[in-house]
Amino acid sequence: MPTSRISDSGGKSSKPMCQLAWGQILRQVRVEALVAAVACTAVAVISALAEDAAPGPNLSPNNATGWLAQDDEFIPPPSGPGPVTFDPAHPYISFYKFPRNPKPVFRVADLTNPILQPWTREELRKANERALSGKVVSIPKERCWPVGVPAFLLYPATPVYFLQTPRQVSMIWMQDHQARRVYLNVPHTANPKPSWFGESVGRYEGDALVVDTIGISTKTFVDNYKTPHTEQLHVTERFRLIEDGKTMEVNVRVEDPGAFTMPWNAIQRYRRVEQGPMMEVVCAENNGDHFHHDLDPMPQADKPDF
């Protein structure tokens, strides 16, 4: 079968039509391949730039990652005013740090800490009196009450899970599903209504998530020694990943001119755990005062929610 040909304007025969068609196809394929290569390169560059510019620490890489507090005591700063700690005459050894502690005791606060105003010191003296009396001392967490801020950082035993979205960061302690919500890149409201965990706004600064909290209910304490505060309490937290992402460190600054003589700082550290998605854990079930220790009551609703 003869091959069809086309002629140029001079009447001379050119290449066969099928050969010309294949040439056009090949040229088109080369152009499309070049465009695809450029597009892939652009995507890779943009992805790399986006990763480099990703704000702050990634505290929720997947639904199995949680952060377990290393202790239920604040770590004092390297220098300067720090949190209330135990009375040197009555050392407190945390069960969570030393599970086989042979001499467990209740907390007795160091009343010589210079951050304490007279009325704050007196409230701690009363708490110490009960601890030294031989009676059982319960802290809010053990009676299923929300603990407030910065005491949220002292939740032990089970992990805290994070959920990070462009507008909000949520922190959820698994043991009783206590949740904090941090609203990103917005100012505080003019007069926030006091609540258990206050009003938290946040932003990313370099490798840190910075959280600013006010409006914290005075029903809460700032620590497990039952250190009180006033409605002027202002807490700033900086969450960072250290040790190749295996540890989360939180640096805390506490200001309350109504309760403390000066601002003070503290530290908390968490270790990364991969124990699976958050499970349901209920605090209030079977948590009554069965042995009549005169424990604080547990939360109870005045009316049903439904």
Protein backbone atom coordinates (compact mmCIF):
# COMPACT_ATOMS: atom_id res chain seq x y z
CA MET A 1 0.00 0.00 0.00
CA PRO A 2 1.57 3.36 -0.99
CA THR A 3 2.40 5.89 1.73
CA SER A 4 0.58 9.24 1.50
CA ARG A 5 2.81 12.26 1.06
CA ILE A 6 2.26 16.00 1.14
CA SER A 7 3.95 18.59 -1.06
CA ASP A 8 5.40 21.94 -0.14
CA SER A 9 4.72 25.08 -2.16
CA GLY A 10 7.51 24.16 -4.59
CA GLY A 11 5.84 20.95 -5.50
CA LYS A 12 8.55 18.79 -3.90
CA SER A 13 7.50 15.84 -1.81
CA SER A 14 7.92 16.17 1.96
CA LYS A 15 7.99 13.46 4.65
CA PRO A 16 5.17 10.93 4.87
CA MET A 17 2.14 12.15 6.81
CA CYS A 18 2.42 9.43 9.47
CA GLN A 19 6.07 10.31 10.10
CA LEU A 20 5.17 13.97 10.46
CA ALA A 21 2.37 13.12 12.87
CA TRP A 22 4.69 11.07 15.06
CA GLY A 23 7.17 13.94 15.12
CA GLN A 24 4.50 16.33 16.35
CA ILE A 25 3.45 13.84 19.02
CA LEU A 26 7.02 13.42 20.23
CA ARG A 27 7.53 17.17 20.42
CA GLN A 28 4.28 17.51 22.40
CA VAL A 29 5.33 14.74 24.78
CA ARG A 30 8.67 16.47 25.36
CA VAL A 31 6.90 19.76 26.16
CA GLU A 32 4.45 18.06 28.52
CA ALA A 33 7.29 16.21 30.24
CA LEU A 34 9.17 19.48 30.68
CA VAL A 35 6.09 21.17 32.11
CA ALA A 36 5.52 18.25 34.48
CA ALA A 37 9.13 18.34 35.64
CA VAL A 38 8.94 22.07 36.31
CA ALA A 39 5.65 21.61 38.17
CA CYS A 40 7.07 18.81 40.32
CA THR A 41 10.12 20.88 41.12
CA ALA A 42 7.93 23.84 42.08
CA VAL A 43 5.80 21.66 44.34
CA ALA A 44 8.90 20.26 46.04
CA VAL A 45 10.34 23.72 46.58
CA ILE A 46 7.05 25.10 47.90
CA SER A 47 6.65 22.10 50.22
CA ALA A 48 10.16 22.55 51.55
CA LEU A 49 9.60 26.25 52.10
CA ALA A 50 6.27 25.57 53.79
CA GLU A 51 7.90 23.01 56.06
CA ASP A 52 10.67 25.44 56.96
CA ALA A 53 8.09 28.14 57.62
CA ALA A 54 5.72 25.86 59.56
CA PRO A 55 4.80 27.75 62.73
CA GLY A 56 5.89 26.50 66.10
CA PRO A 57 6.27 22.97 67.41
CA ASN A 58 4.27 20.09 65.98
CA LEU A 59 2.74 18.70 69.16
CA SER A 60 0.23 16.45 67.40
CA PRO A 61 1.98 14.64 64.52
CA ASN A 62 -0.62 11.86 64.73
CA ASN A 63 -3.51 10.71 66.91
CA ALA A 64 -1.29 8.31 68.87
CA THR A 65 1.15 10.91 70.20
CA GLY A 66 0.65 12.14 73.75
CA TRP A 67 2.79 13.99 76.29
CA LEU A 68 3.24 12.56 79.79
CA ALA A 69 4.24 14.88 82.64
CA GLN A 70 7.44 13.74 84.30
CA ASP A 71 6.27 14.91 87.72
CA ASP A 72 3.34 16.61 89.45
CA GLU A 73 5.65 19.29 90.89
CA PHE A 74 6.91 22.41 89.15
CA ILE A 75 10.63 22.60 88.45
CA PRO A 76 12.19 25.80 89.85
CA PRO A 77 13.94 28.09 87.35
CA PRO A 78 17.76 28.22 87.24
CA SER A 79 17.63 31.57 89.05
CA GLY A 80 15.16 34.13 90.35
CA PRO A 81 11.78 33.74 92.07
CA GLY A 82 10.25 30.30 91.69
CA PRO A 83 7.17 28.28 92.63
CA VAL A 84 6.15 27.05 96.05
CA THR A 85 8.00 23.82 96.85
CA PHE A 86 8.13 21.52 99.87
CA ASP A 87 9.29 22.49 103.33
CA PRO A 88 12.90 21.21 103.69
CA ALA A 89 11.91 19.84 107.11
CA HIS A 90 9.24 17.70 105.42
CA PRO A 91 10.61 16.52 102.05
CA TYR A 92 8.00 15.51 99.52
CA ILE A 93 8.88 12.76 97.06
CA SER A 94 6.47 12.44 94.17
CA PHE A 95 4.94 9.03 93.55
CA TYR A 96 5.05 9.74 89.81
CA LYS A 97 8.77 10.36 89.88
CA PHE A 98 9.62 7.67 92.45
CA PRO A 99 6.83 5.02 92.45
CA ARG A 100 8.67 2.89 95.04
CA ASN A 101 9.06 5.70 97.54
CA PRO A 102 9.32 3.95 100.95
CA LYS A 103 8.09 6.98 102.90
CA PRO A 104 5.14 8.61 101.12
CA VAL A 105 3.90 11.80 102.75
CA PHE A 106 1.46 14.58 101.98
CA ARG A 107 2.76 17.89 100.73
CA VAL A 108 3.90 20.52 103.25
CA ALA A 109 4.60 23.88 101.62
CA ASP A 110 7.68 25.96 102.30
CA LEU A 111 6.21 29.09 103.87
CA THR A 112 9.51 30.98 103.63
CA ASN A 113 9.16 31.45 99.86
CA PRO A 114 9.48 35.23 99.33
CA ILE A 115 6.80 35.30 96.61
CA LEU A 116 4.02 34.81 99.19
CA GLN A 117 1.88 37.66 100.46
CA PRO A 118 0.74 37.35 104.10
CA TRP A 119 -2.77 36.10 103.31
CA THR A 120 -1.44 33.61 100.76
CA ARG A 121 1.04 32.30 103.31
CA GLU A 122 -1.73 31.94 105.88
CA GLU A 123 -3.84 29.82 103.49
CA LEU A 124 -0.88 27.56 102.91
CA ARG A 125 -0.28 27.34 106.66
CA LYS A 126 -3.81 25.96 107.05
CA ALA A 127 -3.18 23.39 104.32
CA ASN A 128 0.09 22.43 106.02
CA GLU A 129 -1.70 22.02 109.32
CA ARG A 130 -4.00 19.39 107.90
CA ALA A 131 -1.14 17.61 106.13
CA LEU A 132 0.81 17.38 109.39
CA SER A 133 -2.22 16.30 111.42
CA GLY A 134 -2.27 12.82 109.96
CA LYS A 135 -5.50 13.40 108.06
CA VAL A 136 -5.79 12.57 104.38
CA VAL A 137 -5.21 15.54 102.11
CA SER A 138 -6.90 15.47 98.72
CA ILE A 139 -6.00 17.78 95.88
CA PRO A 140 -8.60 18.96 93.33
CA LYS A 141 -7.47 16.53 90.63
CA GLU A 142 -8.11 13.58 92.92
CA ARG A 143 -11.66 14.75 93.54
CA CYS A 144 -12.37 15.25 89.81
CA TRP A 145 -12.31 19.06 89.85
CA PRO A 146 -10.72 21.09 87.06
CA VAL A 147 -7.39 22.35 88.39
CA GLY A 148 -7.00 25.64 86.56
CA VAL A 149 -3.89 27.24 85.04
CA PRO A 150 -0.96 26.84 85.47
CA ALA A 151 -1.82 23.71 87.52
CA PHE A 152 -3.04 22.06 84.29
CA LEU A 153 0.65 21.43 83.62
CA LEU A 154 0.81 19.22 86.71
CA TYR A 155 -1.74 16.65 85.52
CA PRO A 156 0.09 13.30 85.90
CA ALA A 157 -0.46 9.59 85.20
CA THR A 158 -1.95 9.78 81.69
CA PRO A 159 -0.91 11.82 78.64
CA VAL A 160 -2.06 15.20 77.44
CA TYR A 161 -3.07 15.14 73.77
CA PHE A 162 -2.89 18.18 71.49
CA LEU A 163 -5.05 19.11 68.52
CA GLN A 164 -3.58 21.92 66.42
CA THR A 165 -5.59 23.76 63.78
CA PRO A 166 -4.93 27.14 62.14
CA ARG A 167 -7.27 28.90 64.56
CA GLN A 168 -7.16 26.87 67.75
CA VAL A 169 -4.99 24.56 69.82
CA SER A 170 -6.77 22.14 72.15
CA MET A 171 -5.09 20.34 75.04
CA ILE A 172 -6.88 17.33 76.53
CA TRP A 173 -5.75 15.39 79.60
CA MET A 174 -6.84 11.80 79.01
CA GLN A 175 -7.61 10.70 82.57
CA ASP A 176 -10.68 12.88 82.98
CA HIS A 177 -10.86 14.51 79.54
CA GLN A 178 -10.14 17.94 81.02
CA ALA A 179 -9.74 20.29 78.05
CA ARG A 180 -8.14 23.67 77.44
CA ARG A 181 -8.72 25.72 74.29
CA VAL A 182 -6.21 28.24 73.02
CA TYR A 183 -7.47 30.67 70.37
CA LEU A 184 -4.70 31.72 68.00
CA ASN A 185 -3.79 35.19 66.79
CA VAL A 186 -6.65 37.00 68.51
CA PRO A 187 -6.65 39.42 71.47
CA HIS A 188 -8.24 38.77 74.83
CA THR A 189 -11.84 39.83 75.22
CA ALA A 190 -12.41 43.00 77.21
CA ASN A 191 -13.84 41.36 80.34
CA PRO A 192 -13.59 37.57 80.21
CA LYS A 193 -15.93 35.72 82.52
CA PRO A 194 -13.90 33.71 85.07
CA SER A 195 -13.78 30.02 84.22
CA TRP A 196 -11.91 26.90 85.32
CA PHE A 197 -9.13 27.21 82.75
CA GLY A 198 -9.56 30.88 82.00
CA GLU A 199 -9.39 32.55 78.61
CA SER A 200 -6.31 31.49 76.64
CA VAL A 201 -5.04 33.15 73.47
CA GLY A 202 -1.88 32.10 71.72
CA ARG A 203 0.58 32.62 68.92
CA TYR A 204 3.62 30.94 67.44
CA GLU A 205 7.00 32.56 68.01
CA GLY A 206 9.79 30.72 66.24
CA ASP A 207 9.91 27.22 67.69
CA ALA A 208 7.51 27.98 70.54
CA LEU A 209 3.76 28.03 71.12
CA VAL A 210 3.13 30.99 73.43
CA VAL A 211 -0.09 30.90 75.46
CA ASP A 212 -1.42 33.84 77.47
CA THR A 213 -4.18 33.13 80.00
CA ILE A 214 -6.36 35.39 82.16
CA GLY A 215 -9.85 35.13 83.65
CA ILE A 216 -9.08 32.07 85.80
CA SER A 217 -11.59 31.17 88.49
CA THR A 218 -10.43 31.73 92.07
CA LYS A 219 -11.91 28.32 92.89
CA THR A 220 -8.65 26.89 91.53
CA PHE A 221 -5.10 26.82 92.89
CA VAL A 222 -1.84 27.43 91.07
CA ASP A 223 -0.24 24.18 92.24
CA ASN A 224 -0.77 20.99 94.25
CA TYR A 225 0.16 22.71 97.53
CA LYS A 226 -3.15 24.59 97.21
CA THR A 227 -1.52 27.98 96.73
CA PRO A 228 -4.41 30.41 96.15
CA HIS A 229 -4.62 33.30 93.71
CA THR A 230 -6.86 36.26 92.92
CA GLU A 231 -8.78 37.30 89.81
CA GLN A 232 -5.63 39.19 88.74
CA LEU A 233 -3.80 35.96 87.92
CA HIS A 234 -1.99 36.18 84.57
CA VAL A 235 -0.11 33.15 83.22
CA THR A 236 2.20 32.96 80.21
CA GLU A 237 3.39 29.58 78.94
CA ARG A 238 5.96 28.79 76.25
CA PHE A 239 5.72 25.25 74.83
CA ARG A 240 8.85 23.99 73.02
CA LEU A 241 10.20 20.64 71.82
CA ILE A 242 13.69 19.71 72.98
CA GLU A 243 15.93 16.63 72.85
CA ASP A 244 15.07 15.88 69.20
CA GLY A 245 11.35 16.08 69.88
CA LYS A 246 11.39 13.47 72.62
CA THR A 247 10.64 16.03 75.33
CA MET A 248 8.25 18.97 75.55
CA GLU A 249 9.38 21.76 77.86
CA VAL A 250 7.02 24.42 79.15
CA ASN A 251 8.38 27.62 80.68
CA VAL A 252 5.81 29.38 82.82
CA ARG A 253 5.60 32.95 84.11
CA VAL A 254 3.02 33.74 86.80
CA GLU A 255 1.90 37.25 87.75
CA ASP A 256 -0.70 38.08 90.39
CA PRO A 257 -0.14 41.26 92.42
CA GLY A 258 -3.10 40.27 94.59
CA ALA A 259 -1.51 37.04 95.82
CA PHE A 260 2.24 37.28 95.20
CA THR A 261 4.85 39.88 96.04
CA MET A 262 6.53 39.48 92.64
CA PRO A 263 6.20 37.57 89.37
CA TRP A 264 7.74 34.10 89.42
CA ASN A 265 8.76 31.43 86.94
CA ALA A 266 8.55 27.66 86.77
CA ILE A 267 9.25 24.80 84.36
CA GLN A 268 7.45 21.59 83.45
CA ARG A 269 8.72 18.80 81.18
CA TYR A 270 6.81 16.04 79.42
CA ARG A 271 8.11 12.96 77.64
CA ARG A 272 6.66 11.92 74.33
CA VAL A 273 4.65 8.70 74.41
CA GLU A 274 3.09 6.70 71.58
CA GLN A 275 0.53 4.61 73.40
CA GLY A 276 -2.27 4.98 70.88
CA PRO A 277 -5.31 7.24 70.49
CA MET A 278 -6.87 8.82 73.54
CA MET A 279 -9.08 6.45 75.52
CA GLU A 280 -12.15 7.14 77.63
CA VAL A 281 -11.29 7.43 81.33
CA VAL A 282 -13.89 8.57 83.87
CA CYS A 283 -12.83 10.10 87.20
CA ALA A 284 -16.07 10.29 89.13
CA GLU A 285 -17.10 6.63 89.02
CA ASN A 286 -16.47 4.84 92.34
CA ASN A 287 -14.52 7.81 93.69
CA GLY A 288 -16.51 8.42 96.86
CA ASP A 289 -15.23 9.00 100.40
CA HIS A 290 -15.65 5.31 101.26
CA PHE A 291 -13.40 5.37 104.34
CA HIS A 292 -14.78 8.62 105.81
CA HIS A 293 -11.61 10.70 105.50
CA ASP A 294 -13.53 13.97 105.27
CA LEU A 295 -12.44 14.46 101.67
CA ASP A 296 -13.54 17.40 99.57
CA PRO A 297 -16.80 16.69 97.71
CA MET A 298 -16.79 15.81 94.04
CA PRO A 299 -18.47 17.99 91.40
CA GLN A 300 -22.18 17.44 91.17
CA ALA A 301 -24.57 19.12 88.74
CA ASP A 302 -27.60 20.93 90.11
CA LYS A 303 -29.66 19.70 87.18
CA PRO A 304 -29.17 17.27 84.29
CA ASP A 305 -27.72 18.52 81.01
CA PHE A 306 -30.53 16.97 79.00
